[in-house]
Amino acid sequence: MTNPIINPSTLSEEQREAIREEYNGWAVFLDTRDELAAKFAIAAIEEIFGSEFFKKGE
């Protein structure tokens, strides 16, 4: 678990959904030739918003 730089609870539902869409957009590149870039982008997003924000069921 990481401590978020930006607390997701302070965001609107539209903002949270846009962030999740960006995260999921990068996740489709895992296990492809662009995997390194995807891992970097996902790690950066998790660093900003906290990894707990992206767990299933949240």
C-alpha atoms as a PDB file:
ATOM      1  CA  MET A   1       0.000   0.000   0.000  1.00  0.00           C
ATOM      2  CA  THR A   2       1.239   3.450  -0.842  1.00  0.00           C
ATOM      3  CA  ASN A   3       0.221   6.728   0.719  1.00  0.00           C
ATOM      4  CA  PRO A   4      -1.411   8.851  -1.951  1.00  0.00           C
ATOM      5  CA  ILE A   5      -0.078  12.263  -2.907  1.00  0.00           C
ATOM      6  CA  ILE A   6      -3.626  13.209  -3.903  1.00  0.00           C
ATOM      7  CA  ASN A   7      -6.390  11.788  -1.739  1.00  0.00           C
ATOM      8  CA  PRO A   8      -8.921  10.218  -4.133  1.00  0.00           C
ATOM      9  CA  SER A   9     -11.771  11.016  -1.735  1.00  0.00           C
ATOM     10  CA  THR A  10     -11.297  14.710  -2.559  1.00  0.00           C
ATOM     11  CA  LEU A  11     -12.035  14.066  -6.251  1.00  0.00           C
ATOM     12  CA  SER A  12     -15.390  14.091  -7.990  1.00  0.00           C
ATOM     13  CA  GLU A  13     -16.806  10.815  -9.289  1.00  0.00           C
ATOM     14  CA  GLU A  14     -16.067  11.962 -12.848  1.00  0.00           C
ATOM     15  CA  GLN A  15     -12.427  12.600 -11.946  1.00  0.00           C
ATOM     16  CA  ARG A  16     -12.096   9.218 -10.226  1.00  0.00           C
ATOM     17  CA  GLU A  17     -13.597   7.478 -13.257  1.00  0.00           C
ATOM     18  CA  ALA A  18     -11.224   9.300 -15.640  1.00  0.00           C
ATOM     19  CA  ILE A  19      -8.233   8.249 -13.519  1.00  0.00           C
ATOM     20  CA  ARG A  20      -9.402   4.631 -13.480  1.00  0.00           C
ATOM     21  CA  GLU A  21      -9.859   4.716 -17.265  1.00  0.00           C
ATOM     22  CA  GLU A  22      -6.303   6.029 -17.700  1.00  0.00           C
ATOM     23  CA  TYR A  23      -4.969   3.305 -15.392  1.00  0.00           C
ATOM     24  CA  ASN A  24      -6.895   0.577 -17.220  1.00  0.00           C
ATOM     25  CA  GLY A  25      -5.757   1.990 -20.548  1.00  0.00           C
ATOM     26  CA  TRP A  26      -2.138   1.445 -19.561  1.00  0.00           C
ATOM     27  CA  ALA A  27      -2.892  -1.995 -18.102  1.00  0.00           C
ATOM     28  CA  VAL A  28      -3.791  -3.352 -21.557  1.00  0.00           C
ATOM     29  CA  PHE A  29      -0.138  -2.887 -22.568  1.00  0.00           C
ATOM     30  CA  LEU A  30       1.122  -5.286 -19.909  1.00  0.00           C
ATOM     31  CA  ASP A  31       2.572  -8.453 -21.488  1.00  0.00           C
ATOM     32  CA  THR A  32       3.250  -6.622 -24.754  1.00  0.00           C
ATOM     33  CA  ARG A  33       6.358  -5.028 -26.207  1.00  0.00           C
ATOM     34  CA  ASP A  34       5.287  -1.821 -24.433  1.00  0.00           C
ATOM     35  CA  GLU A  35       5.205  -3.476 -21.011  1.00  0.00           C
ATOM     36  CA  LEU A  36       8.038  -1.394 -19.549  1.00  0.00           C
ATOM     37  CA  ALA A  37       6.284   1.882 -20.417  1.00  0.00           C
ATOM     38  CA  ALA A  38       3.000   0.517 -19.039  1.00  0.00           C
ATOM     39  CA  LYS A  39       4.626  -0.533 -15.767  1.00  0.00           C
ATOM     40  CA  PHE A  40       6.219   2.891 -15.427  1.00  0.00           C
ATOM     41  CA  ALA A  41       2.920   4.698 -16.098  1.00  0.00           C
ATOM     42  CA  ILE A  42       0.954   2.462 -13.728  1.00  0.00           C
ATOM     43  CA  ALA A  43       3.551   2.917 -10.982  1.00  0.00           C
ATOM     44  CA  ALA A  44       3.392   6.699 -11.430  1.00  0.00           C
ATOM     45  CA  ILE A  45      -0.410   6.747 -11.270  1.00  0.00           C
ATOM     46  CA  GLU A  46      -0.370   4.518  -8.167  1.00  0.00           C
ATOM     47  CA  GLU A  47       2.232   6.803  -6.567  1.00  0.00           C
ATOM     48  CA  ILE A  48      -0.007   9.829  -7.071  1.00  0.00           C
ATOM     49  CA  PHE A  49      -3.380   8.326  -6.096  1.00  0.00           C
ATOM     50  CA  GLY A  50      -2.325   5.370  -3.917  1.00  0.00           C
ATOM     51  CA  SER A  51      -2.438   1.724  -4.882  1.00  0.00           C
ATOM     52  CA  GLU A  52      -5.554   1.078  -2.796  1.00  0.00           C
ATOM     53  CA  PHE A  53      -7.569   3.274  -5.170  1.00  0.00           C
ATOM     54  CA  PHE A  54      -7.108   0.709  -7.951  1.00  0.00           C
ATOM     55  CA  LYS A  55      -7.899  -2.482  -6.086  1.00  0.00           C
ATOM     56  CA  LYS A  56     -10.918  -4.367  -7.422  1.00  0.00           C
ATOM     57  CA  GLY A  57     -14.135  -3.600  -5.550  1.00  0.00           C
ATOM     58  CA  GLU A  58     -13.064  -0.107  -4.530  1.00  0.00           C
END
